[in-house]
Amino acid sequence: MKTLAMFTKNRENPAYSAARLGAERVAAQMNARVTHYVPVTPDSATEQQTLVDQVIATKPDAVLFVATDAEVMVPSIQKLNAARIPVFSFVNRLVGGESVSHAGSDDIALAVDVANYLFLNINLKGRVLVLEGTPGSMSGRDRMTGFTLAFAKHPHITRVADVPGEFLQSTARREMARVLADGVQFDAILAANDAMALGAIDALETAGKPLPPIVGVNAVPDAIAAINAGKLLATASFDAMKMACLAAEAAMRYLNGETVPREIVLPVEVVDRANSTAWDLPFDVRALPVWDAIVG
């Protein structure tokens, strides 16, 4: 039985819970076993470096990898390369070291699309608060780039503030409570992922404030529930579960002697109340991606 060592950034973000589940589902179908390596402190690069060293000693057949910090983790990727353990990245592209294949999406295009959706909802004018993710992650950087491009096209929309949410619901809840206490005025919230959007909703409801239009990214089940309840305007289908599934399948195909693409890119879709039915399922019963339909 082949062994896949899987690195994700934390246990709080539901997107990574979905990724771990997706890889396990694919591995089970392909006679492989997944072992998970997750920092105890969310997004700790130091802990992830230590975990990589531990994994190299165990010699798994392949590694599925999301870096906690794009630059800091480069030497660890290089260690995996030197140990001749094939690396398959997903969600965040690597900025150094070598991976056999990457499964992801276009974060910049996704961010532009979901921002434009929000801006149209507020009639292309007003004050928008941005909840930003972890600066060290490629997804965080690319989504902020996409948001900036969208703001540049709409001069009557004011970017009130960029609030650090670290892609975590608890951090976004805390930071939004601070923003509300400071009296910052805004008409809408643009969150770089669903966890932060849900944290903002928590903070607003706790403070007894009406919910403005809010959008997120990931299309996790809790976000879909919030859309159907009228609390979240929309999300975007950055599907970490499918990316992990494709990374796991790419790894297994590669180990079985097949040639796999250097990059597998999933399409972008904005999910709102009109089309949420297809996404209104828990991760364990959502359809797995069909390799030939995406890669072929």
C-alpha atoms as a PDB file:
ATOM      1  CA  MET A   1       0.000   0.000   0.000  1.00  0.00           C
ATOM      2  CA  LYS A   2       1.362   3.436  -0.968  1.00  0.00           C
ATOM      3  CA  THR A   3       1.679   6.101   1.719  1.00  0.00           C
ATOM      4  CA  LEU A   4       0.963   9.801   1.174  1.00  0.00           C
ATOM      5  CA  ALA A   5       2.103  12.353   3.770  1.00  0.00           C
ATOM      6  CA  MET A   6      -0.230  15.344   3.701  1.00  0.00           C
ATOM      7  CA  PHE A   7       0.664  18.807   5.018  1.00  0.00           C
ATOM      8  CA  THR A   8      -2.065  21.357   5.726  1.00  0.00           C
ATOM      9  CA  LYS A   9      -1.839  24.654   7.580  1.00  0.00           C
ATOM     10  CA  ASN A  10      -4.266  24.297  10.499  1.00  0.00           C
ATOM     11  CA  ARG A  11      -7.233  22.426  11.930  1.00  0.00           C
ATOM     12  CA  GLU A  12      -9.495  25.462  12.272  1.00  0.00           C
ATOM     13  CA  ASN A  13     -10.136  26.425   8.657  1.00  0.00           C
ATOM     14  CA  PRO A  14     -12.900  24.134   7.307  1.00  0.00           C
ATOM     15  CA  ALA A  15     -11.356  24.262   3.833  1.00  0.00           C
ATOM     16  CA  TYR A  16      -8.372  22.264   5.120  1.00  0.00           C
ATOM     17  CA  SER A  17     -10.611  19.805   6.934  1.00  0.00           C
ATOM     18  CA  ALA A  18     -12.294  19.265   3.574  1.00  0.00           C
ATOM     19  CA  ALA A  19      -8.932  18.885   1.843  1.00  0.00           C
ATOM     20  CA  ARG A  20      -7.842  16.183   4.286  1.00  0.00           C
ATOM     21  CA  LEU A  21     -11.129  14.343   3.833  1.00  0.00           C
ATOM     22  CA  GLY A  22     -10.942  14.591   0.050  1.00  0.00           C
ATOM     23  CA  ALA A  23      -7.424  13.153  -0.081  1.00  0.00           C
ATOM     24  CA  GLU A  24      -8.500  10.297   2.183  1.00  0.00           C
ATOM     25  CA  ARG A  25     -11.503   9.508  -0.030  1.00  0.00           C
ATOM     26  CA  VAL A  26      -9.345   9.348  -3.166  1.00  0.00           C
ATOM     27  CA  ALA A  27      -6.580   7.374  -1.437  1.00  0.00           C
ATOM     28  CA  ALA A  28      -9.098   4.791  -0.223  1.00  0.00           C
ATOM     29  CA  GLN A  29     -10.225   4.229  -3.813  1.00  0.00           C
ATOM     30  CA  MET A  30      -6.626   3.852  -5.040  1.00  0.00           C
ATOM     31  CA  ASN A  31      -5.248   1.539  -2.323  1.00  0.00           C
ATOM     32  CA  ALA A  32      -3.234   4.181  -0.504  1.00  0.00           C
ATOM     33  CA  ARG A  33      -3.044   5.565   3.009  1.00  0.00           C
ATOM     34  CA  VAL A  34      -2.832   9.245   3.983  1.00  0.00           C
ATOM     35  CA  THR A  35      -1.001  10.435   7.097  1.00  0.00           C
ATOM     36  CA  HIS A  36      -1.700  14.012   8.174  1.00  0.00           C
ATOM     37  CA  TYR A  37       0.800  16.576   9.449  1.00  0.00           C
ATOM     38  CA  VAL A  38      -0.781  19.751  10.807  1.00  0.00           C
ATOM     39  CA  PRO A  39       0.838  22.405  13.039  1.00  0.00           C
ATOM     40  CA  VAL A  40      -0.693  22.605  16.517  1.00  0.00           C
ATOM     41  CA  THR A  41      -0.363  26.385  16.331  1.00  0.00           C
ATOM     42  CA  PRO A  42      -2.353  27.457  13.257  1.00  0.00           C
ATOM     43  CA  ASP A  43      -0.143  28.326  10.273  1.00  0.00           C
ATOM     44  CA  SER A  44       3.111  27.917  12.215  1.00  0.00           C
ATOM     45  CA  ALA A  45       5.967  27.674   9.721  1.00  0.00           C
ATOM     46  CA  THR A  46       8.369  26.606  12.480  1.00  0.00           C
ATOM     47  CA  GLU A  47       6.177  23.647  13.362  1.00  0.00           C
ATOM     48  CA  GLN A  48       5.690  22.745   9.717  1.00  0.00           C
ATOM     49  CA  GLN A  49       9.460  22.732   9.198  1.00  0.00           C
ATOM     50  CA  THR A  50       9.820  20.272  12.098  1.00  0.00           C
ATOM     51  CA  LEU A  51       7.058  18.098  10.668  1.00  0.00           C
ATOM     52  CA  VAL A  52       8.812  17.967   7.293  1.00  0.00           C
ATOM     53  CA  ASP A  53      11.987  16.745   8.988  1.00  0.00           C
ATOM     54  CA  GLN A  54       9.968  14.019  10.730  1.00  0.00           C
ATOM     55  CA  VAL A  55       8.342  12.955   7.466  1.00  0.00           C
ATOM     56  CA  ILE A  56      11.647  12.701   5.609  1.00  0.00           C
ATOM     57  CA  ALA A  57      12.761  10.167   8.204  1.00  0.00           C
ATOM     58  CA  THR A  58       9.655   8.035   7.545  1.00  0.00           C
ATOM     59  CA  LYS A  59      10.153   8.013   3.734  1.00  0.00           C
ATOM     60  CA  PRO A  60       6.559   8.196   2.458  1.00  0.00           C
ATOM     61  CA  ASP A  61       5.960   7.449  -1.223  1.00  0.00           C
ATOM     62  CA  ALA A  62       4.850  11.045  -1.908  1.00  0.00           C
ATOM     63  CA  VAL A  63       3.926  14.302  -0.178  1.00  0.00           C
ATOM     64  CA  LEU A  64       0.821  16.464  -0.623  1.00  0.00           C
ATOM     65  CA  PHE A  65       1.721  19.975   0.457  1.00  0.00           C
ATOM     66  CA  VAL A  66       0.259  23.358   1.386  1.00  0.00           C
ATOM     67  CA  ALA A  67       2.917  25.735   2.717  1.00  0.00           C
ATOM     68  CA  THR A  68       2.177  27.755   5.838  1.00  0.00           C
ATOM     69  CA  ASP A  69       4.480  30.459   4.484  1.00  0.00           C
ATOM     70  CA  ALA A  70       5.540  30.597   0.830  1.00  0.00           C
ATOM     71  CA  GLU A  71       9.127  31.763   1.392  1.00  0.00           C
ATOM     72  CA  VAL A  72       9.931  30.268   4.783  1.00  0.00           C
ATOM     73  CA  MET A  73       9.031  26.742   3.666  1.00  0.00           C
ATOM     74  CA  VAL A  74      11.256  26.721   0.568  1.00  0.00           C
ATOM     75  CA  PRO A  75      14.229  25.052   2.344  1.00  0.00           C
ATOM     76  CA  SER A  76      11.903  22.316   3.610  1.00  0.00           C
ATOM     77  CA  ILE A  77      10.620  21.651   0.094  1.00  0.00           C
ATOM     78  CA  GLN A  78      14.230  21.490  -1.063  1.00  0.00           C
ATOM     79  CA  LYS A  79      14.926  18.911   1.671  1.00  0.00           C
ATOM     80  CA  LEU A  80      12.066  16.778   0.349  1.00  0.00           C
ATOM     81  CA  ASN A  81      13.488  17.134  -3.172  1.00  0.00           C
ATOM     82  CA  ALA A  82      16.948  16.092  -1.962  1.00  0.00           C
ATOM     83  CA  ALA A  83      15.410  13.059  -0.251  1.00  0.00           C
ATOM     84  CA  ARG A  84      13.784  12.136  -3.598  1.00  0.00           C
ATOM     85  CA  ILE A  85      10.288  12.255  -2.125  1.00  0.00           C
ATOM     86  CA  PRO A  86       7.964  13.586  -4.858  1.00  0.00           C
ATOM     87  CA  VAL A  87       5.973  16.679  -3.846  1.00  0.00           C
ATOM     88  CA  PHE A  88       2.463  17.502  -5.072  1.00  0.00           C
ATOM     89  CA  SER A  89       1.311  20.975  -4.082  1.00  0.00           C
ATOM     90  CA  PHE A  90      -2.311  22.074  -3.911  1.00  0.00           C
ATOM     91  CA  VAL A  91      -4.223  25.253  -3.020  1.00  0.00           C
ATOM     92  CA  ASN A  92      -1.021  27.398  -2.815  1.00  0.00           C
ATOM     93  CA  ARG A  93       1.685  27.245  -5.451  1.00  0.00           C
ATOM     94  CA  LEU A  94       5.260  26.795  -4.290  1.00  0.00           C
ATOM     95  CA  VAL A  95       7.690  29.685  -4.820  1.00  0.00           C
ATOM     96  CA  GLY A  96      10.810  27.534  -4.452  1.00  0.00           C
ATOM     97  CA  GLY A  97      11.805  23.915  -4.560  1.00  0.00           C
ATOM     98  CA  GLU A  98      10.225  21.502  -7.039  1.00  0.00           C
ATOM     99  CA  SER A  99       6.795  19.927  -7.218  1.00  0.00           C
ATOM    100  CA  VAL A 100       5.708  17.281  -9.705  1.00  0.00           C
ATOM    101  CA  SER A 101       2.257  18.808 -10.082  1.00  0.00           C
ATOM    102  CA  HIS A 102       0.087  21.563  -8.626  1.00  0.00           C
ATOM    103  CA  ALA A 103      -3.706  21.483  -8.223  1.00  0.00           C
ATOM    104  CA  GLY A 104      -5.341  24.850  -7.656  1.00  0.00           C
ATOM    105  CA  SER A 105      -7.349  27.676  -9.092  1.00  0.00           C
ATOM    106  CA  ASP A 106      -6.762  31.222 -10.328  1.00  0.00           C
ATOM    107  CA  ASP A 107      -6.928  33.167  -7.063  1.00  0.00           C
ATOM    108  CA  ILE A 108      -6.594  36.549  -8.750  1.00  0.00           C
ATOM    109  CA  ALA A 109      -9.446  35.932 -11.202  1.00  0.00           C
ATOM    110  CA  LEU A 110     -11.562  34.458  -8.414  1.00  0.00           C
ATOM    111  CA  ALA A 111     -11.007  37.510  -6.202  1.00  0.00           C
ATOM    112  CA  VAL A 112     -11.874  39.905  -9.030  1.00  0.00           C
ATOM    113  CA  ASP A 113     -15.089  38.000  -9.774  1.00  0.00           C
ATOM    114  CA  VAL A 114     -16.388  37.840  -6.210  1.00  0.00           C
ATOM    115  CA  ALA A 115     -15.426  41.485  -5.548  1.00  0.00           C
ATOM    116  CA  ASN A 116     -17.275  42.622  -8.674  1.00  0.00           C
ATOM    117  CA  TYR A 117     -20.302  40.611  -7.558  1.00  0.00           C
ATOM    118  CA  LEU A 118     -20.295  42.480  -4.242  1.00  0.00           C
ATOM    119  CA  PHE A 119     -19.740  45.865  -5.878  1.00  0.00           C
ATOM    120  CA  LEU A 120     -22.689  45.365  -8.220  1.00  0.00           C
ATOM    121  CA  ASN A 121     -24.860  44.485  -5.221  1.00  0.00           C
ATOM    122  CA  ILE A 122     -24.111  47.884  -3.645  1.00  0.00           C
ATOM    123  CA  ASN A 123     -24.709  49.683  -6.948  1.00  0.00           C
ATOM    124  CA  LEU A 124     -21.014  50.408  -7.554  1.00  0.00           C
ATOM    125  CA  LYS A 125     -20.718  52.900  -4.718  1.00  0.00           C
ATOM    126  CA  GLY A 126     -20.107  52.806  -0.985  1.00  0.00           C
ATOM    127  CA  ARG A 127     -17.560  51.862   1.673  1.00  0.00           C
ATOM    128  CA  VAL A 128     -16.110  48.348   1.619  1.00  0.00           C
ATOM    129  CA  LEU A 129     -14.136  46.698   4.414  1.00  0.00           C
ATOM    130  CA  VAL A 130     -11.632  43.998   3.389  1.00  0.00           C
ATOM    131  CA  LEU A 131     -10.810  40.981   5.558  1.00  0.00           C
ATOM    132  CA  GLU A 132      -7.401  39.744   4.428  1.00  0.00           C
ATOM    133  CA  GLY A 133      -5.830  36.336   4.868  1.00  0.00           C
ATOM    134  CA  THR A 134      -2.365  35.286   5.928  1.00  0.00           C
ATOM    135  CA  PRO A 135       0.240  37.500   4.200  1.00  0.00           C
ATOM    136  CA  GLY A 136       2.687  34.597   3.879  1.00  0.00           C
ATOM    137  CA  SER A 137       0.311  32.475   1.803  1.00  0.00           C
ATOM    138  CA  MET A 138       0.191  32.709  -1.984  1.00  0.00           C
ATOM    139  CA  SER A 139      -3.611  32.558  -1.899  1.00  0.00           C
ATOM    140  CA  GLY A 140      -3.680  35.478   0.511  1.00  0.00           C
ATOM    141  CA  ARG A 141      -1.418  37.563  -1.700  1.00  0.00           C
ATOM    142  CA  ASP A 142      -3.175  36.696  -4.954  1.00  0.00           C
ATOM    143  CA  ARG A 143      -6.643  37.376  -3.564  1.00  0.00           C
ATOM    144  CA  MET A 144      -5.540  40.773  -2.301  1.00  0.00           C
ATOM    145  CA  THR A 145      -4.124  41.479  -5.762  1.00  0.00           C
ATOM    146  CA  GLY A 146      -7.470  40.537  -7.273  1.00  0.00           C
ATOM    147  CA  PHE A 147      -9.353  42.739  -4.819  1.00  0.00           C
ATOM    148  CA  THR A 148      -7.037  45.658  -5.629  1.00  0.00           C
ATOM    149  CA  LEU A 149      -7.654  45.208  -9.354  1.00  0.00           C
ATOM    150  CA  ALA A 150     -11.409  45.219  -8.777  1.00  0.00           C
ATOM    151  CA  PHE A 151     -11.290  48.351  -6.592  1.00  0.00           C
ATOM    152  CA  ALA A 152      -9.239  50.142  -9.256  1.00  0.00           C
ATOM    153  CA  LYS A 153     -12.093  49.734 -11.749  1.00  0.00           C
ATOM    154  CA  HIS A 154     -14.667  51.343  -9.471  1.00  0.00           C
ATOM    155  CA  PRO A 155     -13.748  54.886  -8.344  1.00  0.00           C
ATOM    156  CA  HIS A 156     -16.994  55.381  -6.407  1.00  0.00           C
ATOM    157  CA  ILE A 157     -16.237  52.511  -4.049  1.00  0.00           C
ATOM    158  CA  THR A 158     -14.046  53.360  -1.070  1.00  0.00           C
ATOM    159  CA  ARG A 159     -11.740  50.739   0.421  1.00  0.00           C
ATOM    160  CA  VAL A 160     -12.234  51.628   4.082  1.00  0.00           C
ATOM    161  CA  ALA A 161      -9.629  49.334   5.657  1.00  0.00           C
ATOM    162  CA  ASP A 162      -7.797  46.027   5.288  1.00  0.00           C
ATOM    163  CA  VAL A 163      -8.420  44.028   8.462  1.00  0.00           C
ATOM    164  CA  PRO A 164      -6.121  41.064   9.298  1.00  0.00           C
ATOM    165  CA  GLY A 165      -8.193  37.894   9.601  1.00  0.00           C
ATOM    166  CA  GLU A 166      -5.508  35.216   9.021  1.00  0.00           C
ATOM    167  CA  PHE A 167      -8.059  33.069   7.121  1.00  0.00           C
ATOM    168  CA  LEU A 168      -9.466  32.028  10.547  1.00  0.00           C
ATOM    169  CA  GLN A 169     -12.989  32.518  11.873  1.00  0.00           C
ATOM    170  CA  SER A 170     -11.808  33.211  15.423  1.00  0.00           C
ATOM    171  CA  THR A 171      -9.324  35.878  14.311  1.00  0.00           C
ATOM    172  CA  ALA A 172     -11.852  37.570  12.039  1.00  0.00           C
ATOM    173  CA  ARG A 173     -14.418  37.559  14.836  1.00  0.00           C
ATOM    174  CA  ARG A 174     -11.943  39.229  17.204  1.00  0.00           C
ATOM    175  CA  GLU A 175     -10.705  41.786  14.679  1.00  0.00           C
ATOM    176  CA  MET A 176     -14.218  42.676  13.545  1.00  0.00           C
ATOM    177  CA  ALA A 177     -15.224  43.239  17.172  1.00  0.00           C
ATOM    178  CA  ARG A 178     -12.313  45.686  17.411  1.00  0.00           C
ATOM    179  CA  VAL A 179     -13.376  47.435  14.198  1.00  0.00           C
ATOM    180  CA  LEU A 180     -16.936  47.803  15.485  1.00  0.00           C
ATOM    181  CA  ALA A 181     -15.701  49.132  18.830  1.00  0.00           C
ATOM    182  CA  ASP A 182     -13.591  51.701  16.973  1.00  0.00           C
ATOM    183  CA  GLY A 183     -16.663  52.935  15.124  1.00  0.00           C
ATOM    184  CA  VAL A 184     -15.379  52.238  11.612  1.00  0.00           C
ATOM    185  CA  GLN A 185     -18.177  52.821   9.118  1.00  0.00           C
ATOM    186  CA  PHE A 186     -18.687  50.485   6.149  1.00  0.00           C
ATOM    187  CA  ASP A 187     -21.448  49.363   3.781  1.00  0.00           C
ATOM    188  CA  ALA A 188     -20.167  45.905   2.803  1.00  0.00           C
ATOM    189  CA  ILE A 189     -17.487  43.327   3.645  1.00  0.00           C
ATOM    190  CA  LEU A 190     -15.174  41.614   1.176  1.00  0.00           C
ATOM    191  CA  ALA A 191     -13.606  38.590   2.905  1.00  0.00           C
ATOM    192  CA  ALA A 192     -10.776  36.556   1.370  1.00  0.00           C
ATOM    193  CA  ASN A 193     -12.323  33.315   2.631  1.00  0.00           C
ATOM    194  CA  ASP A 194     -15.526  31.942   4.113  1.00  0.00           C
ATOM    195  CA  ALA A 195     -14.121  31.399   7.600  1.00  0.00           C
ATOM    196  CA  MET A 196     -13.412  35.123   7.923  1.00  0.00           C
ATOM    197  CA  ALA A 197     -16.794  36.022   6.452  1.00  0.00           C
ATOM    198  CA  LEU A 198     -18.458  33.809   9.060  1.00  0.00           C
ATOM    199  CA  GLY A 199     -16.322  35.383  11.788  1.00  0.00           C
ATOM    200  CA  ALA A 200     -17.517  38.825  10.668  1.00  0.00           C
ATOM    201  CA  ILE A 201     -21.121  37.641  10.842  1.00  0.00           C
ATOM    202  CA  ASP A 202     -20.499  36.336  14.374  1.00  0.00           C
ATOM    203  CA  ALA A 203     -19.063  39.692  15.493  1.00  0.00           C
ATOM    204  CA  LEU A 204     -21.855  41.736  13.929  1.00  0.00           C
ATOM    205  CA  GLU A 205     -24.580  39.569  15.432  1.00  0.00           C
ATOM    206  CA  THR A 206     -22.926  39.622  18.860  1.00  0.00           C
ATOM    207  CA  ALA A 207     -22.801  43.421  18.684  1.00  0.00           C
ATOM    208  CA  GLY A 208     -26.452  43.557  17.639  1.00  0.00           C
ATOM    209  CA  LYS A 209     -25.575  45.167  14.310  1.00  0.00           C
ATOM    210  CA  PRO A 210     -27.467  44.598  11.045  1.00  0.00           C
ATOM    211  CA  LEU A 211     -25.620  42.453   8.523  1.00  0.00           C
ATOM    212  CA  PRO A 212     -24.355  44.316   5.452  1.00  0.00           C
ATOM    213  CA  PRO A 213     -23.707  42.501   2.166  1.00  0.00           C
ATOM    214  CA  ILE A 214     -20.798  40.093   2.815  1.00  0.00           C
ATOM    215  CA  VAL A 215     -18.975  37.775   0.420  1.00  0.00           C
ATOM    216  CA  GLY A 216     -16.373  35.086   1.056  1.00  0.00           C
ATOM    217  CA  VAL A 217     -14.371  32.421  -0.766  1.00  0.00           C
ATOM    218  CA  ASN A 218     -14.362  28.579  -0.574  1.00  0.00           C
ATOM    219  CA  ALA A 219     -18.042  27.507  -0.716  1.00  0.00           C
ATOM    220  CA  VAL A 220     -17.771  25.503   2.514  1.00  0.00           C
ATOM    221  CA  PRO A 221     -21.019  24.014   3.875  1.00  0.00           C
ATOM    222  CA  ASP A 222     -21.355  26.598   6.678  1.00  0.00           C
ATOM    223  CA  ALA A 223     -21.074  29.385   4.105  1.00  0.00           C
ATOM    224  CA  ILE A 224     -23.736  27.778   1.924  1.00  0.00           C
ATOM    225  CA  ALA A 225     -25.985  27.546   4.991  1.00  0.00           C
ATOM    226  CA  ALA A 226     -25.349  31.244   5.674  1.00  0.00           C
ATOM    227  CA  ILE A 227     -26.242  32.095   2.072  1.00  0.00           C
ATOM    228  CA  ASN A 228     -29.493  30.139   2.318  1.00  0.00           C
ATOM    229  CA  ALA A 229     -30.263  31.878   5.630  1.00  0.00           C
ATOM    230  CA  GLY A 230     -29.754  35.296   4.025  1.00  0.00           C
ATOM    231  CA  LYS A 231     -26.685  36.142   6.140  1.00  0.00           C
ATOM    232  CA  LEU A 232     -24.005  35.792   3.447  1.00  0.00           C
ATOM    233  CA  LEU A 233     -24.479  37.291  -0.002  1.00  0.00           C
ATOM    234  CA  ALA A 234     -22.183  34.955  -1.952  1.00  0.00           C
ATOM    235  CA  THR A 235     -18.999  32.931  -1.982  1.00  0.00           C
ATOM    236  CA  ALA A 236     -16.622  31.690  -4.668  1.00  0.00           C
ATOM    237  CA  SER A 237     -15.884  28.069  -5.481  1.00  0.00           C
ATOM    238  CA  PHE A 238     -12.251  27.801  -4.484  1.00  0.00           C
ATOM    239  CA  ASP A 239     -12.720  24.114  -3.717  1.00  0.00           C
ATOM    240  CA  ALA A 240      -9.876  22.903  -1.499  1.00  0.00           C
ATOM    241  CA  MET A 241     -11.419  19.430  -1.261  1.00  0.00           C
ATOM    242  CA  LYS A 242     -11.344  18.938  -5.032  1.00  0.00           C
ATOM    243  CA  MET A 243      -7.819  20.334  -5.240  1.00  0.00           C
ATOM    244  CA  ALA A 244      -6.620  17.863  -2.621  1.00  0.00           C
ATOM    245  CA  CYS A 245      -8.442  15.047  -4.412  1.00  0.00           C
ATOM    246  CA  LEU A 246      -6.686  15.912  -7.664  1.00  0.00           C
ATOM    247  CA  ALA A 247      -3.306  16.240  -5.942  1.00  0.00           C
ATOM    248  CA  ALA A 248      -3.760  12.826  -4.333  1.00  0.00           C
ATOM    249  CA  GLU A 249      -4.818  11.238  -7.616  1.00  0.00           C
ATOM    250  CA  ALA A 250      -1.926  12.903  -9.442  1.00  0.00           C
ATOM    251  CA  ALA A 251       0.453  11.464  -6.847  1.00  0.00           C
ATOM    252  CA  MET A 252      -0.949   7.959  -7.203  1.00  0.00           C
ATOM    253  CA  ARG A 253      -0.930   8.085 -11.004  1.00  0.00           C
ATOM    254  CA  TYR A 254       2.661   9.341 -10.952  1.00  0.00           C
ATOM    255  CA  LEU A 255       3.710   6.585  -8.555  1.00  0.00           C
ATOM    256  CA  ASN A 256       2.073   4.085 -10.906  1.00  0.00           C
ATOM    257  CA  GLY A 257       4.218   5.321 -13.789  1.00  0.00           C
ATOM    258  CA  GLU A 258       1.858   7.751 -15.504  1.00  0.00           C
ATOM    259  CA  THR A 259       2.737  11.232 -16.704  1.00  0.00           C
ATOM    260  CA  VAL A 260       0.697  13.897 -14.896  1.00  0.00           C
ATOM    261  CA  PRO A 261       0.186  17.596 -15.735  1.00  0.00           C
ATOM    262  CA  ARG A 262       2.472  20.165 -14.141  1.00  0.00           C
ATOM    263  CA  GLU A 263      -0.621  22.199 -13.262  1.00  0.00           C
ATOM    264  CA  ILE A 264      -4.297  21.364 -12.816  1.00  0.00           C
ATOM    265  CA  VAL A 265      -6.556  24.434 -12.637  1.00  0.00           C
ATOM    266  CA  LEU A 266     -10.170  24.310 -11.475  1.00  0.00           C
ATOM    267  CA  PRO A 267     -12.643  26.833 -12.922  1.00  0.00           C
ATOM    268  CA  VAL A 268     -14.003  29.756 -10.891  1.00  0.00           C
ATOM    269  CA  GLU A 269     -17.703  30.058 -10.020  1.00  0.00           C
ATOM    270  CA  VAL A 270     -19.544  32.545  -7.821  1.00  0.00           C
ATOM    271  CA  VAL A 271     -22.084  30.769  -5.615  1.00  0.00           C
ATOM    272  CA  ASP A 272     -25.179  32.611  -4.379  1.00  0.00           C
ATOM    273  CA  ARG A 273     -28.721  31.730  -3.417  1.00  0.00           C
ATOM    274  CA  ALA A 274     -29.697  31.129  -7.046  1.00  0.00           C
ATOM    275  CA  ASN A 275     -27.219  28.278  -7.601  1.00  0.00           C
ATOM    276  CA  SER A 276     -26.358  27.087  -4.087  1.00  0.00           C
ATOM    277  CA  THR A 277     -28.253  23.772  -4.319  1.00  0.00           C
ATOM    278  CA  ALA A 278     -25.340  21.936  -5.929  1.00  0.00           C
ATOM    279  CA  TRP A 279     -23.077  23.037  -3.084  1.00  0.00           C
ATOM    280  CA  ASP A 280     -25.542  22.422  -0.244  1.00  0.00           C
ATOM    281  CA  LEU A 281     -23.980  19.115   0.780  1.00  0.00           C
ATOM    282  CA  PRO A 282     -21.517  18.087   3.502  1.00  0.00           C
ATOM    283  CA  PHE A 283     -18.017  17.376   2.254  1.00  0.00           C
ATOM    284  CA  ASP A 284     -18.227  13.639   2.858  1.00  0.00           C
ATOM    285  CA  VAL A 285     -20.990  13.270   0.258  1.00  0.00           C
ATOM    286  CA  ARG A 286     -19.938  15.930  -2.249  1.00  0.00           C
ATOM    287  CA  ALA A 287     -18.990  14.443  -5.602  1.00  0.00           C
ATOM    288  CA  LEU A 288     -15.324  13.706  -6.129  1.00  0.00           C
ATOM    289  CA  PRO A 289     -13.722  15.286  -9.194  1.00  0.00           C
ATOM    290  CA  VAL A 290     -13.485  13.067 -12.282  1.00  0.00           C
ATOM    291  CA  TRP A 291      -9.842  13.073 -13.413  1.00  0.00           C
ATOM    292  CA  ASP A 292     -10.521  12.670 -17.142  1.00  0.00           C
ATOM    293  CA  ALA A 293     -13.182  15.393 -17.130  1.00  0.00           C
ATOM    294  CA  ILE A 294     -10.778  17.927 -15.629  1.00  0.00           C
ATOM    295  CA  VAL A 295      -7.352  16.845 -16.806  1.00  0.00           C
ATOM    296  CA  GLY A 296      -8.388  15.382 -20.146  1.00  0.00           C
END
